[in-house]
Amino acid sequence: MLVNKVREIRGSAAGLLLLLLILAIPILFLLGLAEFSVWALNWIPDVFWIAMVLCIAMVPLAVIPAARAIAGAAYGMASFVFLAGLWLYSLAFTYTEWGMIGMVLGVLVAGIGVVFTAILAALFSGSWAVLGNVAILIALGLGTRFLARWLNASAQERLVRQHMQEHPSEAIITQPSRDD
């Protein structure tokens, strides 16, 4: 009987340790991510400037219909840089202003809640420069994302038209039914 009690206690202790380990892994990951985001604040502006120069350099290619796919891919990469930088910047600001609790709350809201918690933290602390940076990064990220999608759709339409001209017998023309 004493042996069974010892086994039960040992099993419960092992289960409790396993539960604590499972809970510790995400917390350690978030702590590492927070420290990484604060460290990344040193080089994020340089990466933004490189992405901005890339965007400016792609303007002539975006005007040329044959090169829109290249420009669309470049704007897509720039969009990723802007939005990833926005997320890291927001994570670092939330961590420095509200600590781990604010950061965890932001990450729990579909991961992108960190941007909203950074906006709230900037409003409550009166950090208007941070609020302006977040707004600019949102505009740059979403603007380049929409531009990349439009350029890629335009390039795709051009390829379809070109294919239809080269192979007219393969073209399928659909017409809406009278019910539509």
N, C-alpha and C. Protein backbone atom coordinates (compact mmCIF):
# COMPACT_ATOMS: atom_id res chain seq x y z
N MET A 1 0.82 -1.18 0.00
CA MET A 1 0.00 0.00 0.00
C MET A 1 0.87 1.25 0.00
N LEU A 2 1.92 1.25 0.77
CA LEU A 2 2.85 2.38 0.81
C LEU A 2 3.54 2.55 -0.55
N VAL A 3 3.81 1.44 -1.20
CA VAL A 3 4.46 1.47 -2.52
C VAL A 3 3.53 2.13 -3.54
N ASN A 4 2.25 1.83 -3.48
CA ASN A 4 1.27 2.44 -4.39
C ASN A 4 1.18 3.95 -4.17
N LYS A 5 1.21 4.37 -2.90
CA LYS A 5 1.16 5.81 -2.59
C LYS A 5 2.40 6.51 -3.14
N VAL A 6 3.56 5.88 -2.99
CA VAL A 6 4.80 6.47 -3.50
C VAL A 6 4.74 6.58 -5.02
N ARG A 7 4.20 5.57 -5.68
CA ARG A 7 4.06 5.61 -7.15
C ARG A 7 3.11 6.72 -7.58
N GLU A 8 2.01 6.86 -6.84
CA GLU A 8 1.06 7.92 -7.17
C GLU A 8 1.69 9.30 -7.01
N ILE A 9 2.42 9.50 -5.93
CA ILE A 9 3.07 10.79 -5.68
C ILE A 9 4.14 11.04 -6.73
N ARG A 10 4.90 10.00 -7.05
CA ARG A 10 5.94 10.15 -8.06
C ARG A 10 5.32 10.46 -9.43
N GLY A 11 4.22 9.79 -9.77
CA GLY A 11 3.54 10.06 -11.04
C GLY A 11 2.96 11.47 -11.08
N SER A 12 2.39 11.91 -9.97
CA SER A 12 1.84 13.28 -9.91
C SER A 12 2.95 14.31 -10.02
N ALA A 13 4.08 14.05 -9.36
CA ALA A 13 5.21 14.99 -9.43
C ALA A 13 5.76 15.05 -10.84
N ALA A 14 5.85 13.90 -11.50
CA ALA A 14 6.35 13.88 -12.88
C ALA A 14 5.38 14.62 -13.80
N GLY A 15 4.10 14.41 -13.59
CA GLY A 15 3.10 15.12 -14.39
C GLY A 15 3.16 16.63 -14.18
N LEU A 16 3.34 17.04 -12.93
CA LEU A 16 3.45 18.46 -12.62
C LEU A 16 4.69 19.07 -13.26
N LEU A 17 5.81 18.36 -13.20
CA LEU A 17 7.04 18.84 -13.85
C LEU A 17 6.89 18.94 -15.36
N LEU A 18 6.21 17.96 -15.95
CA LEU A 18 5.96 18.00 -17.39
C LEU A 18 5.08 19.19 -17.76
N LEU A 19 4.06 19.44 -16.96
CA LEU A 19 3.19 20.59 -17.19
C LEU A 19 3.96 21.90 -17.09
N LEU A 20 4.80 22.02 -16.07
CA LEU A 20 5.63 23.23 -15.91
C LEU A 20 6.59 23.40 -17.08
N LEU A 21 7.14 22.31 -17.57
CA LEU A 21 8.04 22.37 -18.72
C LEU A 21 7.29 22.83 -19.96
N ILE A 22 6.10 22.29 -20.16
CA ILE A 22 5.29 22.69 -21.32
C ILE A 22 4.92 24.17 -21.24
N LEU A 23 4.65 24.67 -20.04
CA LEU A 23 4.34 26.09 -19.88
C LEU A 23 5.58 26.97 -19.98
N ALA A 24 6.73 26.45 -19.61
CA ALA A 24 7.96 27.24 -19.62
C ALA A 24 8.49 27.47 -21.03
N ILE A 25 8.28 26.54 -21.92
CA ILE A 25 8.82 26.66 -23.28
C ILE A 25 8.28 27.90 -23.99
N PRO A 26 6.95 28.13 -24.04
CA PRO A 26 6.48 29.36 -24.70
C PRO A 26 6.93 30.64 -23.99
N ILE A 27 7.01 30.59 -22.66
CA ILE A 27 7.44 31.77 -21.92
C ILE A 27 8.90 32.09 -22.25
N LEU A 28 9.75 31.08 -22.29
CA LEU A 28 11.15 31.30 -22.66
C LEU A 28 11.26 31.77 -24.11
N PHE A 29 10.42 31.23 -24.98
CA PHE A 29 10.41 31.67 -26.37
C PHE A 29 10.02 33.14 -26.47
N LEU A 30 8.99 33.54 -25.75
CA LEU A 30 8.56 34.94 -25.78
C LEU A 30 9.61 35.86 -25.17
N LEU A 31 10.26 35.41 -24.11
CA LEU A 31 11.33 36.22 -23.52
C LEU A 31 12.48 36.41 -24.51
N GLY A 32 12.85 35.34 -25.20
CA GLY A 32 13.89 35.44 -26.22
C GLY A 32 13.47 36.33 -27.37
N LEU A 33 12.21 36.21 -27.76
CA LEU A 33 11.70 37.05 -28.84
C LEU A 33 11.68 38.51 -28.44
N ALA A 34 11.33 38.79 -27.20
CA ALA A 34 11.33 40.17 -26.71
C ALA A 34 12.75 40.74 -26.71
N GLU A 35 13.69 39.98 -26.22
CA GLU A 35 15.08 40.45 -26.21
C GLU A 35 15.61 40.62 -27.63
N PHE A 36 15.23 39.72 -28.54
CA PHE A 36 15.64 39.85 -29.94
C PHE A 36 15.07 41.11 -30.55
N SER A 37 13.81 41.42 -30.27
CA SER A 37 13.20 42.61 -30.87
C SER A 37 13.86 43.88 -30.36
N VAL A 38 14.24 43.91 -29.10
CA VAL A 38 14.94 45.08 -28.56
C VAL A 38 16.32 45.19 -29.21
N TRP A 39 17.00 44.07 -29.38
CA TRP A 39 18.31 44.06 -30.05
C TRP A 39 18.17 44.48 -31.51
N ALA A 40 17.09 44.06 -32.17
CA ALA A 40 16.90 44.35 -33.59
C ALA A 40 16.61 45.83 -33.85
N LEU A 41 16.23 46.57 -32.82
CA LEU A 41 15.96 48.01 -33.01
C LEU A 41 17.19 48.74 -33.53
N ASN A 42 18.38 48.20 -33.32
CA ASN A 42 19.60 48.85 -33.80
C ASN A 42 19.74 48.80 -35.31
N TRP A 43 19.34 47.72 -35.93
CA TRP A 43 19.56 47.60 -37.37
C TRP A 43 18.29 47.65 -38.19
N ILE A 44 17.12 47.70 -37.58
CA ILE A 44 15.86 47.79 -38.34
C ILE A 44 15.81 49.03 -39.22
N PRO A 45 16.21 50.22 -38.76
CA PRO A 45 16.16 51.39 -39.66
C PRO A 45 17.00 51.22 -40.93
N ASP A 46 18.16 50.58 -40.82
CA ASP A 46 18.98 50.36 -42.01
C ASP A 46 18.28 49.46 -43.01
N VAL A 47 17.61 48.43 -42.52
CA VAL A 47 16.87 47.52 -43.41
C VAL A 47 15.70 48.26 -44.06
N PHE A 48 15.04 49.15 -43.31
CA PHE A 48 13.95 49.93 -43.89
C PHE A 48 14.45 50.82 -45.02
N TRP A 49 15.59 51.45 -44.82
CA TRP A 49 16.12 52.32 -45.87
C TRP A 49 16.48 51.53 -47.12
N ILE A 50 17.03 50.35 -46.94
CA ILE A 50 17.33 49.50 -48.09
C ILE A 50 16.04 49.14 -48.83
N ALA A 51 14.98 48.81 -48.09
CA ALA A 51 13.70 48.49 -48.71
C ALA A 51 13.10 49.72 -49.41
N MET A 52 13.27 50.89 -48.81
CA MET A 52 12.77 52.12 -49.46
C MET A 52 13.51 52.39 -50.77
N VAL A 53 14.83 52.23 -50.77
CA VAL A 53 15.61 52.43 -51.99
C VAL A 53 15.17 51.42 -53.05
N LEU A 54 14.93 50.18 -52.63
CA LEU A 54 14.44 49.16 -53.56
C LEU A 54 13.10 49.57 -54.16
N CYS A 55 12.21 50.09 -53.33
CA CYS A 55 10.90 50.53 -53.82
C CYS A 55 11.04 51.66 -54.84
N ILE A 56 11.90 52.62 -54.53
CA ILE A 56 12.10 53.74 -55.45
C ILE A 56 12.73 53.25 -56.75
N ALA A 57 13.67 52.31 -56.65
CA ALA A 57 14.32 51.79 -57.85
C ALA A 57 13.37 50.98 -58.71
N MET A 58 12.31 50.43 -58.13
CA MET A 58 11.37 49.61 -58.88
C MET A 58 10.29 50.41 -59.59
N VAL A 59 10.21 51.71 -59.34
CA VAL A 59 9.17 52.52 -59.98
C VAL A 59 9.27 52.45 -61.51
N PRO A 60 10.46 52.62 -62.13
CA PRO A 60 10.50 52.49 -63.60
C PRO A 60 10.08 51.11 -64.10
N LEU A 61 10.42 50.06 -63.37
CA LEU A 61 10.00 48.73 -63.80
C LEU A 61 8.50 48.53 -63.64
N ALA A 62 7.91 49.19 -62.67
CA ALA A 62 6.46 49.07 -62.47
C ALA A 62 5.69 49.73 -63.60
N VAL A 63 6.30 50.72 -64.25
CA VAL A 63 5.64 51.43 -65.35
C VAL A 63 5.67 50.59 -66.62
N ILE A 64 6.73 49.82 -66.82
CA ILE A 64 6.89 48.99 -68.02
C ILE A 64 6.06 47.72 -67.85
N PRO A 65 5.06 47.50 -68.72
CA PRO A 65 4.19 46.33 -68.54
C PRO A 65 4.93 44.99 -68.54
N ALA A 66 5.97 44.87 -69.34
CA ALA A 66 6.69 43.59 -69.43
C ALA A 66 7.49 43.30 -68.16
N ALA A 67 7.79 44.30 -67.37
CA ALA A 67 8.63 44.11 -66.18
C ALA A 67 7.82 44.21 -64.89
N ARG A 68 6.52 44.21 -64.98
CA ARG A 68 5.70 44.38 -63.77
C ARG A 68 5.80 43.19 -62.83
N ALA A 69 6.05 42.02 -63.34
CA ALA A 69 6.18 40.86 -62.46
C ALA A 69 7.40 41.00 -61.56
N ILE A 70 8.51 41.51 -62.12
CA ILE A 70 9.72 41.73 -61.33
C ILE A 70 9.46 42.79 -60.26
N ALA A 71 8.83 43.88 -60.68
CA ALA A 71 8.53 44.95 -59.73
C ALA A 71 7.55 44.46 -58.65
N GLY A 72 6.58 43.64 -59.05
CA GLY A 72 5.62 43.10 -58.09
C GLY A 72 6.31 42.23 -57.05
N ALA A 73 7.27 41.42 -57.50
CA ALA A 73 8.02 40.57 -56.55
C ALA A 73 8.86 41.43 -55.61
N ALA A 74 9.48 42.47 -56.14
CA ALA A 74 10.31 43.35 -55.30
C ALA A 74 9.45 44.11 -54.29
N TYR A 75 8.30 44.60 -54.73
CA TYR A 75 7.41 45.29 -53.79
C TYR A 75 6.85 44.31 -52.75
N GLY A 76 6.65 43.06 -53.14
CA GLY A 76 6.21 42.05 -52.17
C GLY A 76 7.25 41.81 -51.10
N MET A 77 8.53 41.74 -51.52
CA MET A 77 9.60 41.57 -50.53
C MET A 77 9.71 42.79 -49.62
N ALA A 78 9.57 43.98 -50.21
CA ALA A 78 9.63 45.20 -49.40
C ALA A 78 8.46 45.24 -48.42
N SER A 79 7.31 44.80 -48.86
CA SER A 79 6.15 44.75 -47.96
C SER A 79 6.42 43.83 -46.78
N PHE A 80 7.03 42.68 -47.04
CA PHE A 80 7.37 41.77 -45.95
C PHE A 80 8.34 42.43 -44.98
N VAL A 81 9.33 43.14 -45.52
CA VAL A 81 10.32 43.82 -44.67
C VAL A 81 9.62 44.86 -43.80
N PHE A 82 8.75 45.67 -44.40
CA PHE A 82 8.07 46.72 -43.64
C PHE A 82 7.16 46.12 -42.55
N LEU A 83 6.39 45.09 -42.90
CA LEU A 83 5.46 44.53 -41.94
C LEU A 83 6.17 43.72 -40.85
N ALA A 84 7.23 43.01 -41.20
CA ALA A 84 8.00 42.30 -40.18
C ALA A 84 8.69 43.30 -39.26
N GLY A 85 9.21 44.37 -39.83
CA GLY A 85 9.83 45.41 -39.00
C GLY A 85 8.81 46.09 -38.11
N LEU A 86 7.62 46.32 -38.63
CA LEU A 86 6.54 46.89 -37.82
C LEU A 86 6.24 45.99 -36.64
N TRP A 87 6.17 44.70 -36.88
CA TRP A 87 5.86 43.76 -35.81
C TRP A 87 6.97 43.75 -34.77
N LEU A 88 8.22 43.70 -35.21
CA LEU A 88 9.34 43.70 -34.26
C LEU A 88 9.41 45.02 -33.48
N TYR A 89 9.21 46.14 -34.18
CA TYR A 89 9.23 47.45 -33.53
C TYR A 89 8.12 47.53 -32.49
N SER A 90 6.93 47.06 -32.85
CA SER A 90 5.80 47.09 -31.92
C SER A 90 6.05 46.16 -30.74
N LEU A 91 6.62 45.01 -31.01
CA LEU A 91 6.93 44.07 -29.93
C LEU A 91 7.93 44.67 -28.95
N ALA A 92 8.98 45.29 -29.49
CA ALA A 92 10.00 45.89 -28.63
C ALA A 92 9.43 47.04 -27.81
N PHE A 93 8.61 47.89 -28.45
CA PHE A 93 8.04 49.01 -27.71
C PHE A 93 7.07 48.54 -26.64
N THR A 94 6.23 47.57 -26.97
CA THR A 94 5.30 47.04 -25.99
C THR A 94 6.05 46.41 -24.82
N TYR A 95 7.11 45.70 -25.13
CA TYR A 95 7.90 45.05 -24.07
C TYR A 95 8.57 46.09 -23.17
N THR A 96 9.11 47.16 -23.77
CA THR A 96 9.77 48.16 -22.94
C THR A 96 8.77 49.01 -22.15
N GLU A 97 7.58 49.24 -22.68
CA GLU A 97 6.60 50.07 -21.99
C GLU A 97 5.75 49.27 -20.99
N TRP A 98 5.24 48.14 -21.42
CA TRP A 98 4.28 47.40 -20.60
C TRP A 98 4.82 46.08 -20.08
N GLY A 99 6.03 45.73 -20.46
CA GLY A 99 6.64 44.51 -19.95
C GLY A 99 6.09 43.25 -20.60
N MET A 100 6.39 42.15 -19.95
CA MET A 100 6.03 40.84 -20.50
C MET A 100 4.52 40.64 -20.57
N ILE A 101 3.78 41.18 -19.62
CA ILE A 101 2.32 40.98 -19.62
C ILE A 101 1.69 41.64 -20.85
N GLY A 102 2.07 42.87 -21.16
CA GLY A 102 1.55 43.54 -22.34
C GLY A 102 1.94 42.83 -23.62
N MET A 103 3.18 42.34 -23.64
CA MET A 103 3.64 41.63 -24.82
C MET A 103 2.87 40.32 -25.02
N VAL A 104 2.67 39.59 -23.95
CA VAL A 104 1.94 38.32 -24.05
C VAL A 104 0.50 38.58 -24.49
N LEU A 105 -0.13 39.61 -23.93
CA LEU A 105 -1.49 39.94 -24.36
C LEU A 105 -1.53 40.28 -25.84
N GLY A 106 -0.54 41.01 -26.31
CA GLY A 106 -0.49 41.36 -27.73
C GLY A 106 -0.26 40.16 -28.62
N VAL A 107 0.60 39.26 -28.20
CA VAL A 107 0.89 38.07 -29.01
C VAL A 107 -0.32 37.13 -29.01
N LEU A 108 -1.07 37.09 -27.92
CA LEU A 108 -2.23 36.21 -27.86
C LEU A 108 -3.34 36.63 -28.81
N VAL A 109 -3.39 37.89 -29.20
CA VAL A 109 -4.42 38.36 -30.13
C VAL A 109 -3.92 38.12 -31.55
N ALA A 110 -3.94 36.88 -31.96
CA ALA A 110 -3.58 36.44 -33.31
C ALA A 110 -2.18 36.86 -33.72
N GLY A 111 -1.32 37.14 -32.80
CA GLY A 111 0.05 37.50 -33.13
C GLY A 111 0.23 38.95 -33.52
N ILE A 112 -0.75 39.52 -34.22
CA ILE A 112 -0.62 40.92 -34.67
C ILE A 112 -1.16 41.89 -33.65
N GLY A 113 -1.68 41.40 -32.55
CA GLY A 113 -2.18 42.28 -31.51
C GLY A 113 -1.08 43.11 -30.88
N VAL A 114 0.17 42.72 -31.11
CA VAL A 114 1.30 43.48 -30.58
C VAL A 114 1.30 44.88 -31.18
N VAL A 115 0.89 45.00 -32.44
CA VAL A 115 0.82 46.33 -33.06
C VAL A 115 -0.22 47.18 -32.34
N PHE A 116 -1.36 46.59 -32.03
CA PHE A 116 -2.41 47.34 -31.33
C PHE A 116 -2.00 47.68 -29.90
N THR A 117 -1.32 46.76 -29.23
CA THR A 117 -0.85 47.07 -27.88
C THR A 117 0.23 48.14 -27.92
N ALA A 118 1.05 48.15 -28.97
CA ALA A 118 2.06 49.21 -29.10
C ALA A 118 1.39 50.56 -29.32
N ILE A 119 0.32 50.57 -30.11
CA ILE A 119 -0.42 51.82 -30.34
C ILE A 119 -1.03 52.31 -29.02
N LEU A 120 -1.63 51.39 -28.27
CA LEU A 120 -2.21 51.77 -26.97
C LEU A 120 -1.13 52.24 -26.00
N ALA A 121 0.00 51.55 -25.98
CA ALA A 121 1.08 51.94 -25.07
C ALA A 121 1.62 53.32 -25.46
N ALA A 122 1.72 53.59 -26.76
CA ALA A 122 2.21 54.90 -27.21
C ALA A 122 1.20 55.99 -26.85
N LEU A 123 -0.09 55.70 -26.98
CA LEU A 123 -1.11 56.69 -26.62
C LEU A 123 -1.08 56.98 -25.12
N PHE A 124 -1.01 55.93 -24.30
CA PHE A 124 -1.03 56.13 -22.85
C PHE A 124 0.24 56.79 -22.33
N SER A 125 1.38 56.51 -22.98
CA SER A 125 2.63 57.10 -22.50
C SER A 125 2.96 58.42 -23.19
N GLY A 126 2.16 58.81 -24.18
CA GLY A 126 2.40 60.06 -24.90
C GLY A 126 3.62 60.00 -25.81
N SER A 127 3.96 58.83 -26.30
CA SER A 127 5.10 58.67 -27.21
C SER A 127 4.62 58.87 -28.64
N TRP A 128 4.51 60.14 -29.03
CA TRP A 128 3.92 60.47 -30.33
C TRP A 128 4.84 60.08 -31.47
N ALA A 129 6.15 60.11 -31.26
CA ALA A 129 7.08 59.69 -32.31
C ALA A 129 6.91 58.20 -32.61
N VAL A 130 6.73 57.41 -31.58
CA VAL A 130 6.51 55.97 -31.79
C VAL A 130 5.19 55.73 -32.51
N LEU A 131 4.17 56.47 -32.11
CA LEU A 131 2.87 56.35 -32.77
C LEU A 131 2.98 56.73 -34.25
N GLY A 132 3.72 57.79 -34.54
CA GLY A 132 3.94 58.18 -35.94
C GLY A 132 4.72 57.12 -36.70
N ASN A 133 5.74 56.54 -36.07
CA ASN A 133 6.52 55.48 -36.73
C ASN A 133 5.64 54.27 -37.04
N VAL A 134 4.80 53.90 -36.10
CA VAL A 134 3.91 52.76 -36.33
C VAL A 134 2.95 53.07 -37.47
N ALA A 135 2.40 54.27 -37.49
CA ALA A 135 1.47 54.64 -38.57
C ALA A 135 2.17 54.63 -39.93
N ILE A 136 3.38 55.15 -39.99
CA ILE A 136 4.13 55.15 -41.25
C ILE A 136 4.44 53.73 -41.70
N LEU A 137 4.84 52.88 -40.75
CA LEU A 137 5.15 51.49 -41.12
C LEU A 137 3.90 50.73 -41.57
N ILE A 138 2.77 50.99 -40.96
CA ILE A 138 1.52 50.37 -41.41
C ILE A 138 1.21 50.81 -42.83
N ALA A 139 1.33 52.12 -43.08
CA ALA A 139 1.05 52.64 -44.42
C ALA A 139 2.02 52.08 -45.46
N LEU A 140 3.30 52.04 -45.13
CA LEU A 140 4.29 51.49 -46.06
C LEU A 140 4.06 50.01 -46.31
N GLY A 141 3.81 49.26 -45.25
CA GLY A 141 3.61 47.82 -45.39
C GLY A 141 2.38 47.48 -46.20
N LEU A 142 1.26 48.09 -45.86
CA LEU A 142 0.03 47.78 -46.59
C LEU A 142 0.04 48.38 -48.00
N GLY A 143 0.62 49.57 -48.14
CA GLY A 143 0.69 50.19 -49.47
C GLY A 143 1.52 49.37 -50.44
N THR A 144 2.68 48.91 -49.99
CA THR A 144 3.51 48.09 -50.87
C THR A 144 2.87 46.73 -51.11
N ARG A 145 2.14 46.21 -50.14
CA ARG A 145 1.46 44.92 -50.33
C ARG A 145 0.39 45.04 -51.42
N PHE A 146 -0.44 46.10 -51.36
CA PHE A 146 -1.48 46.29 -52.37
C PHE A 146 -0.87 46.57 -53.75
N LEU A 147 0.20 47.36 -53.77
CA LEU A 147 0.87 47.64 -55.03
C LEU A 147 1.46 46.37 -55.63
N ALA A 148 2.05 45.52 -54.80
CA ALA A 148 2.61 44.26 -55.29
C ALA A 148 1.52 43.36 -55.87
N ARG A 149 0.40 43.29 -55.20
CA ARG A 149 -0.71 42.47 -55.71
C ARG A 149 -1.24 43.01 -57.03
N TRP A 150 -1.37 44.33 -57.12
CA TRP A 150 -1.86 44.92 -58.37
C TRP A 150 -0.87 44.68 -59.51
N LEU A 151 0.41 44.86 -59.25
CA LEU A 151 1.42 44.63 -60.28
C LEU A 151 1.45 43.17 -60.71
N ASN A 152 1.33 42.25 -59.78
CA ASN A 152 1.32 40.84 -60.14
C ASN A 152 0.08 40.46 -60.93
N ALA A 153 -1.07 41.02 -60.56
CA ALA A 153 -2.30 40.76 -61.32
C ALA A 153 -2.19 41.34 -62.72
N SER A 154 -1.62 42.52 -62.84
CA SER A 154 -1.43 43.14 -64.15
C SER A 154 -0.49 42.31 -65.02
N ALA A 155 0.58 41.81 -64.43
CA ALA A 155 1.52 40.97 -65.17
C ALA A 155 0.85 39.67 -65.60
N GLN A 156 0.03 39.11 -64.73
CA GLN A 156 -0.68 37.87 -65.07
C GLN A 156 -1.67 38.10 -66.21
N GLU A 157 -2.42 39.20 -66.17
CA GLU A 157 -3.35 39.53 -67.25
C GLU A 157 -2.61 39.70 -68.57
N ARG A 158 -1.45 40.33 -68.51
CA ARG A 158 -0.66 40.53 -69.73
C ARG A 158 -0.21 39.19 -70.30
N LEU A 159 0.21 38.27 -69.44
CA LEU A 159 0.62 36.94 -69.91
C LEU A 159 -0.55 36.17 -70.52
N VAL A 160 -1.73 36.28 -69.92
CA VAL A 160 -2.91 35.61 -70.46
C VAL A 160 -3.28 36.19 -71.82
N ARG A 161 -3.27 37.51 -71.95
CA ARG A 161 -3.56 38.14 -73.25
C ARG A 161 -2.54 37.71 -74.30
N GLN A 162 -1.28 37.68 -73.91
CA GLN A 162 -0.22 37.28 -74.84
C GLN A 162 -0.42 35.82 -75.27
N HIS A 163 -0.77 34.96 -74.33
CA HIS A 163 -0.99 33.56 -74.66
C HIS A 163 -2.20 33.41 -75.58
N MET A 164 -3.24 34.19 -75.33
CA MET A 164 -4.44 34.13 -76.18
C MET A 164 -4.13 34.59 -77.59
N GLN A 165 -3.26 35.58 -77.75
CA GLN A 165 -2.90 36.04 -79.08
C GLN A 165 -2.03 35.02 -79.81
N GLU A 166 -1.14 34.36 -79.10
CA GLU A 166 -0.27 33.38 -79.72
C GLU A 166 -0.99 32.07 -80.02
N HIS A 167 -1.95 31.69 -79.20
CA HIS A 167 -2.68 30.43 -79.36
C HIS A 167 -4.18 30.69 -79.28
N PRO A 168 -4.77 31.27 -80.32
CA PRO A 168 -6.20 31.62 -80.22
C PRO A 168 -7.11 30.40 -80.13
N SER A 169 -6.68 29.26 -80.64
CA SER A 169 -7.55 28.08 -80.58
C SER A 169 -7.67 27.52 -79.17
N GLU A 170 -6.75 27.86 -78.28
CA GLU A 170 -6.79 27.38 -76.90
C GLU A 170 -7.56 28.31 -75.98
N ALA A 171 -7.93 29.47 -76.47
CA ALA A 171 -8.61 30.45 -75.63
C ALA A 171 -10.04 30.00 -75.35
N ILE A 172 -10.45 30.09 -74.12
CA ILE A 172 -11.81 29.75 -73.72
C ILE A 172 -12.47 31.04 -73.26
N ILE A 173 -13.53 31.37 -73.94
CA ILE A 173 -14.24 32.60 -73.61
C ILE A 173 -15.50 32.21 -72.87
N THR A 174 -15.65 32.74 -71.70
CA THR A 174 -16.85 32.44 -70.92
C THR A 174 -17.77 33.66 -70.94
N GLN A 175 -19.04 33.37 -71.04
CA GLN A 175 -20.02 34.44 -71.01
C GLN A 175 -20.95 34.20 -69.83
N PRO A 176 -21.37 35.27 -69.19
CA PRO A 176 -22.30 35.07 -68.07
C PRO A 176 -23.63 34.53 -68.57
N SER A 177 -24.25 33.67 -67.78
CA SER A 177 -25.56 33.13 -68.16
C SER A 177 -26.62 34.19 -67.96
N ARG A 178 -27.76 33.94 -68.52
CA ARG A 178 -28.86 34.91 -68.42
C ARG A 178 -29.40 34.99 -66.99
N ASP A 179 -29.13 33.96 -66.20
CA ASP A 179 -29.60 33.98 -64.81
C ASP A 179 -28.81 34.93 -63.95
N ASP A 180 -27.56 35.24 -64.37
CA ASP A 180 -26.70 36.11 -63.57
C ASP A 180 -27.10 37.49 -63.69
